Amino acid sequence: NINFKTYLNKLRIQHACELMSKDAGGVSDIAVMCGFSDPSYFSKKFKKYMGYSPTEYMKRQEVRGE
């Protein structure tokens, strides 16, 4: 029961999480790889869905050893 844009953004964020766990680059690079043309918009949507910024997510992954 969600619209297409919301669904697509959620898929993109999931893909971004996978790339971040593989250390596939910086936030701007990952944003582009996931279909976001604006890294700021990516960061805003990432925080909305995940509860923290992409940079913090990457730091948490490092601490957990993933």
Protein backbone atom coordinates (compact mmCIF):
# COMPACT_ATOMS: atom_id res chain seq x y z
CA ASN A 1 0.00 0.00 0.00
CA ILE A 2 2.75 2.46 -0.93
CA ASN A 3 3.24 4.52 -4.06
CA PHE A 4 5.83 3.65 -6.68
CA LYS A 5 8.28 6.42 -5.75
CA THR A 6 8.36 5.34 -2.10
CA TYR A 7 8.82 1.71 -3.14
CA LEU A 8 11.65 2.62 -5.50
CA ASN A 9 13.42 4.74 -2.87
CA LYS A 10 13.21 1.87 -0.37
CA LEU A 11 14.77 -0.50 -2.90
CA ARG A 12 17.51 2.01 -3.63
CA ILE A 13 18.25 2.45 0.07
CA GLN A 14 18.43 -1.33 0.53
CA HIS A 15 20.88 -1.53 -2.35
CA ALA A 16 22.90 1.31 -0.83
CA CYS A 17 23.12 -0.60 2.46
CA GLU A 18 24.48 -3.62 0.60
CA LEU A 19 27.08 -1.49 -1.17
CA MET A 20 28.09 0.20 2.07
CA SER A 21 28.59 -3.13 3.78
CA LYS A 22 30.94 -4.08 0.91
CA ASP A 23 32.84 -0.78 1.22
CA ALA A 24 31.96 0.15 -2.36
CA GLY A 25 32.96 3.82 -2.05
CA GLY A 26 31.90 7.06 -0.47
CA VAL A 27 28.40 8.36 0.08
CA SER A 28 28.34 10.35 -3.17
CA ASP A 29 29.53 7.37 -5.21
CA ILE A 30 27.00 5.04 -3.64
CA ALA A 31 24.20 7.57 -4.15
CA VAL A 32 24.93 7.65 -7.88
CA MET A 33 25.26 3.84 -8.08
CA CYS A 34 21.81 3.54 -6.54
CA GLY A 35 20.13 5.94 -8.94
CA PHE A 36 20.17 9.16 -6.94
CA SER A 37 21.48 12.12 -8.91
CA ASP A 38 21.77 14.33 -5.82
CA PRO A 39 23.81 13.01 -2.87
CA SER A 40 22.03 15.44 -0.50
CA TYR A 41 18.63 14.03 -1.49
CA PHE A 42 20.03 10.51 -1.06
CA SER A 43 21.25 11.37 2.45
CA LYS A 44 17.87 12.86 3.35
CA LYS A 45 15.96 9.80 2.15
CA PHE A 46 18.46 7.41 3.70
CA LYS A 47 18.02 9.07 7.09
CA LYS A 48 14.24 9.00 6.70
CA TYR A 49 14.18 5.24 6.08
CA MET A 50 17.10 4.08 8.22
CA GLY A 51 16.98 6.53 11.12
CA TYR A 52 20.56 7.78 10.73
CA SER A 53 22.79 9.26 8.06
CA PRO A 54 24.66 7.19 5.47
CA THR A 55 27.96 8.21 7.07
CA GLU A 56 26.82 7.00 10.48
CA TYR A 57 25.55 3.77 8.93
CA MET A 58 28.98 3.17 7.40
CA LYS A 59 30.66 3.86 10.77
CA ARG A 60 28.32 1.40 12.48
CA GLN A 61 29.23 -1.23 9.90
CA GLU A 62 32.93 -0.70 10.65
CA VAL A 63 32.38 -1.07 14.39
CA ARG A 64 30.38 -4.26 13.90
CA GLY A 65 33.12 -5.62 11.67
CA GLU A 66 30.91 -6.18 8.66
